[in-house]
């Protein structure tokens, strides 16, 4: 059981990955009032661990507490822009993360910002 699960039984955001020594994430909120968005960076340390090689890998699934993500659009914005597949699961929204090499950036925004 991970340290987060021990000390924070129900985190608002967590990454379920088979590569716990390699893949991590960072999340923060940008904007004010009704125009806020959550920015999430998924980061692989594989290039550092292998002296520069960074093959594509499936990083796993990101889980966001329902209050953070329910009814919102979750999109990859870097390295390419696309809406991601989500599914509600036990009080969380599970985000199926796309294949990645070193860095992926996601946004969680309101529905009306879905175009583009």
C-alpha atoms as a PDB file:
ATOM      1  CA  UNK A   1       0.000   0.000   0.000  1.00  0.00           C
ATOM      2  CA  UNK A   2       1.407   3.393  -0.980  1.00  0.00           C
ATOM      3  CA  UNK A   3       2.310   6.102   1.512  1.00  0.00           C
ATOM      4  CA  UNK A   4      -0.463   8.334   0.157  1.00  0.00           C
ATOM      5  CA  UNK A   5      -3.066   5.630   0.813  1.00  0.00           C
ATOM      6  CA  UNK A   6      -1.801   5.175   4.382  1.00  0.00           C
ATOM      7  CA  UNK A   7      -1.782   8.839   5.379  1.00  0.00           C
ATOM      8  CA  UNK A   8      -4.543  10.167   3.150  1.00  0.00           C
ATOM      9  CA  UNK A   9      -7.127   7.378   2.726  1.00  0.00           C
ATOM     10  CA  UNK A  10      -9.106   9.180   0.025  1.00  0.00           C
ATOM     11  CA  UNK A  11      -6.827  11.498  -1.975  1.00  0.00           C
ATOM     12  CA  UNK A  12      -8.396  13.984  -4.369  1.00  0.00           C
ATOM     13  CA  UNK A  13      -6.049  12.868  -7.148  1.00  0.00           C
ATOM     14  CA  UNK A  14      -3.849   9.802  -7.570  1.00  0.00           C
ATOM     15  CA  UNK A  15      -2.013   7.908 -10.295  1.00  0.00           C
ATOM     16  CA  UNK A  16      -2.425   4.150 -10.604  1.00  0.00           C
ATOM     17  CA  UNK A  17       0.674   3.042 -12.515  1.00  0.00           C
ATOM     18  CA  UNK A  18       2.718  -0.132 -12.772  1.00  0.00           C
ATOM     19  CA  UNK A  19       5.812   2.116 -12.940  1.00  0.00           C
ATOM     20  CA  UNK A  20       5.815   3.674  -9.470  1.00  0.00           C
ATOM     21  CA  UNK A  21       9.584   4.339  -9.568  1.00  0.00           C
ATOM     22  CA  UNK A  22       9.338   6.055 -12.966  1.00  0.00           C
ATOM     23  CA  UNK A  23       6.045   7.902 -13.489  1.00  0.00           C
ATOM     24  CA  UNK A  24       4.753  10.736 -11.304  1.00  0.00           C
ATOM     25  CA  UNK A  25       2.442  13.721 -11.577  1.00  0.00           C
ATOM     26  CA  UNK A  26       2.082  17.325 -10.465  1.00  0.00           C
ATOM     27  CA  UNK A  27      -1.270  19.160 -10.333  1.00  0.00           C
ATOM     28  CA  UNK A  28      -2.256  22.769  -9.707  1.00  0.00           C
ATOM     29  CA  UNK A  29      -5.069  25.244 -10.408  1.00  0.00           C
ATOM     30  CA  UNK A  30      -4.696  28.181 -12.786  1.00  0.00           C
ATOM     31  CA  UNK A  31      -7.132  31.073 -13.250  1.00  0.00           C
ATOM     32  CA  UNK A  32      -9.762  32.725 -11.082  1.00  0.00           C
ATOM     33  CA  UNK A  33     -13.477  32.442 -10.370  1.00  0.00           C
ATOM     34  CA  UNK A  34     -15.462  30.599 -13.052  1.00  0.00           C
ATOM     35  CA  UNK A  35     -12.439  30.552 -15.377  1.00  0.00           C
ATOM     36  CA  UNK A  36     -10.262  28.170 -13.387  1.00  0.00           C
ATOM     37  CA  UNK A  37      -8.697  25.076 -14.818  1.00  0.00           C
ATOM     38  CA  UNK A  38      -6.716  22.273 -13.231  1.00  0.00           C
ATOM     39  CA  UNK A  39      -3.369  21.594 -14.930  1.00  0.00           C
ATOM     40  CA  UNK A  40      -1.835  18.128 -14.506  1.00  0.00           C
ATOM     41  CA  UNK A  41       1.669  17.160 -15.636  1.00  0.00           C
ATOM     42  CA  UNK A  42       2.408  13.445 -16.041  1.00  0.00           C
ATOM     43  CA  UNK A  43       6.179  12.983 -15.964  1.00  0.00           C
ATOM     44  CA  UNK A  44       8.395   9.997 -16.715  1.00  0.00           C
ATOM     45  CA  UNK A  45      11.894   9.756 -15.273  1.00  0.00           C
ATOM     46  CA  UNK A  46      12.754   6.940 -17.692  1.00  0.00           C
ATOM     47  CA  UNK A  47      15.090   9.082 -19.837  1.00  0.00           C
ATOM     48  CA  UNK A  48      17.094  10.033 -16.754  1.00  0.00           C
ATOM     49  CA  UNK A  49      17.168   6.464 -15.460  1.00  0.00           C
ATOM     50  CA  UNK A  50      18.357   5.065 -18.816  1.00  0.00           C
ATOM     51  CA  UNK A  51      20.804   7.820 -19.834  1.00  0.00           C
ATOM     52  CA  UNK A  52      18.597   9.339 -22.504  1.00  0.00           C
ATOM     53  CA  UNK A  53      16.397   6.569 -23.870  1.00  0.00           C
ATOM     54  CA  UNK A  54      12.690   7.218 -23.415  1.00  0.00           C
ATOM     55  CA  UNK A  55      10.588   4.608 -25.192  1.00  0.00           C
ATOM     56  CA  UNK A  56       6.836   5.082 -25.328  1.00  0.00           C
ATOM     57  CA  UNK A  57       5.016   3.610 -22.373  1.00  0.00           C
ATOM     58  CA  UNK A  58       1.503   3.349 -20.991  1.00  0.00           C
ATOM     59  CA  UNK A  59       1.664   5.387 -17.743  1.00  0.00           C
ATOM     60  CA  UNK A  60      -1.533   3.976 -16.228  1.00  0.00           C
ATOM     61  CA  UNK A  61      -4.743   5.674 -15.079  1.00  0.00           C
ATOM     62  CA  UNK A  62      -5.212   8.977 -13.295  1.00  0.00           C
ATOM     63  CA  UNK A  63      -8.020   9.142 -10.727  1.00  0.00           C
ATOM     64  CA  UNK A  64      -9.649  12.467  -9.852  1.00  0.00           C
ATOM     65  CA  UNK A  65     -12.207  12.817  -7.054  1.00  0.00           C
ATOM     66  CA  UNK A  66     -15.677  13.204  -8.537  1.00  0.00           C
ATOM     67  CA  UNK A  67     -15.986  16.766  -7.235  1.00  0.00           C
ATOM     68  CA  UNK A  68     -12.880  17.792  -9.183  1.00  0.00           C
ATOM     69  CA  UNK A  69     -13.763  16.199 -12.495  1.00  0.00           C
ATOM     70  CA  UNK A  70     -17.444  15.238 -12.732  1.00  0.00           C
ATOM     71  CA  UNK A  71     -19.106  17.090 -15.603  1.00  0.00           C
ATOM     72  CA  UNK A  72     -15.824  18.563 -16.831  1.00  0.00           C
ATOM     73  CA  UNK A  73     -13.724  18.034 -19.928  1.00  0.00           C
ATOM     74  CA  UNK A  74     -10.390  16.322 -19.435  1.00  0.00           C
ATOM     75  CA  UNK A  75      -8.016  16.867 -22.291  1.00  0.00           C
ATOM     76  CA  UNK A  76      -4.402  16.196 -23.148  1.00  0.00           C
ATOM     77  CA  UNK A  77      -2.929  19.496 -24.387  1.00  0.00           C
ATOM     78  CA  UNK A  78       0.715  18.453 -24.792  1.00  0.00           C
ATOM     79  CA  UNK A  79       2.352  16.868 -26.769  1.00  0.00           C
ATOM     80  CA  UNK A  80      -0.864  16.788 -28.784  1.00  0.00           C
ATOM     81  CA  UNK A  81      -4.371  18.045 -28.146  1.00  0.00           C
ATOM     82  CA  UNK A  82      -7.164  15.497 -27.640  1.00  0.00           C
ATOM     83  CA  UNK A  83     -10.058  14.758 -25.345  1.00  0.00           C
ATOM     84  CA  UNK A  84      -9.350  11.786 -23.068  1.00  0.00           C
ATOM     85  CA  UNK A  85     -11.543   8.834 -22.222  1.00  0.00           C
ATOM     86  CA  UNK A  86     -13.022   8.986 -18.722  1.00  0.00           C
ATOM     87  CA  UNK A  87     -15.190   6.711 -16.641  1.00  0.00           C
ATOM     88  CA  UNK A  88     -16.794   7.143 -13.218  1.00  0.00           C
ATOM     89  CA  UNK A  89     -15.542   4.607 -10.717  1.00  0.00           C
ATOM     90  CA  UNK A  90     -16.164   4.441  -6.922  1.00  0.00           C
ATOM     91  CA  UNK A  91     -16.462   8.203  -6.362  1.00  0.00           C
ATOM     92  CA  UNK A  92     -13.641   9.049  -8.772  1.00  0.00           C
ATOM     93  CA  UNK A  93     -13.357   9.883 -12.445  1.00  0.00           C
ATOM     94  CA  UNK A  94     -10.814   7.508 -13.994  1.00  0.00           C
ATOM     95  CA  UNK A  95      -8.816   9.066 -16.837  1.00  0.00           C
ATOM     96  CA  UNK A  96      -7.227   6.599 -19.225  1.00  0.00           C
ATOM     97  CA  UNK A  97      -3.834   8.133 -19.951  1.00  0.00           C
ATOM     98  CA  UNK A  98      -2.421   7.928 -23.481  1.00  0.00           C
ATOM     99  CA  UNK A  99       0.952   6.467 -24.370  1.00  0.00           C
ATOM    100  CA  UNK A 100       3.778   8.839 -23.489  1.00  0.00           C
ATOM    101  CA  UNK A 101       7.534   9.230 -23.547  1.00  0.00           C
ATOM    102  CA  UNK A 102       8.734  11.929 -21.101  1.00  0.00           C
ATOM    103  CA  UNK A 103       6.006  14.521 -20.425  1.00  0.00           C
ATOM    104  CA  UNK A 104       2.259  14.900 -20.941  1.00  0.00           C
ATOM    105  CA  UNK A 105       0.101  17.853 -19.893  1.00  0.00           C
ATOM    106  CA  UNK A 106      -3.628  17.540 -19.143  1.00  0.00           C
ATOM    107  CA  UNK A 107      -6.287  20.140 -18.381  1.00  0.00           C
ATOM    108  CA  UNK A 108      -9.578  19.778 -16.530  1.00  0.00           C
ATOM    109  CA  UNK A 109     -12.001  22.508 -17.633  1.00  0.00           C
ATOM    110  CA  UNK A 110     -15.696  23.378 -17.628  1.00  0.00           C
ATOM    111  CA  UNK A 111     -17.910  21.864 -20.350  1.00  0.00           C
ATOM    112  CA  UNK A 112     -18.516  25.164 -22.181  1.00  0.00           C
ATOM    113  CA  UNK A 113     -14.775  25.348 -22.963  1.00  0.00           C
ATOM    114  CA  UNK A 114     -14.938  22.025 -24.807  1.00  0.00           C
ATOM    115  CA  UNK A 115     -14.534  23.422 -28.330  1.00  0.00           C
ATOM    116  CA  UNK A 116     -11.091  23.362 -29.892  1.00  0.00           C
END
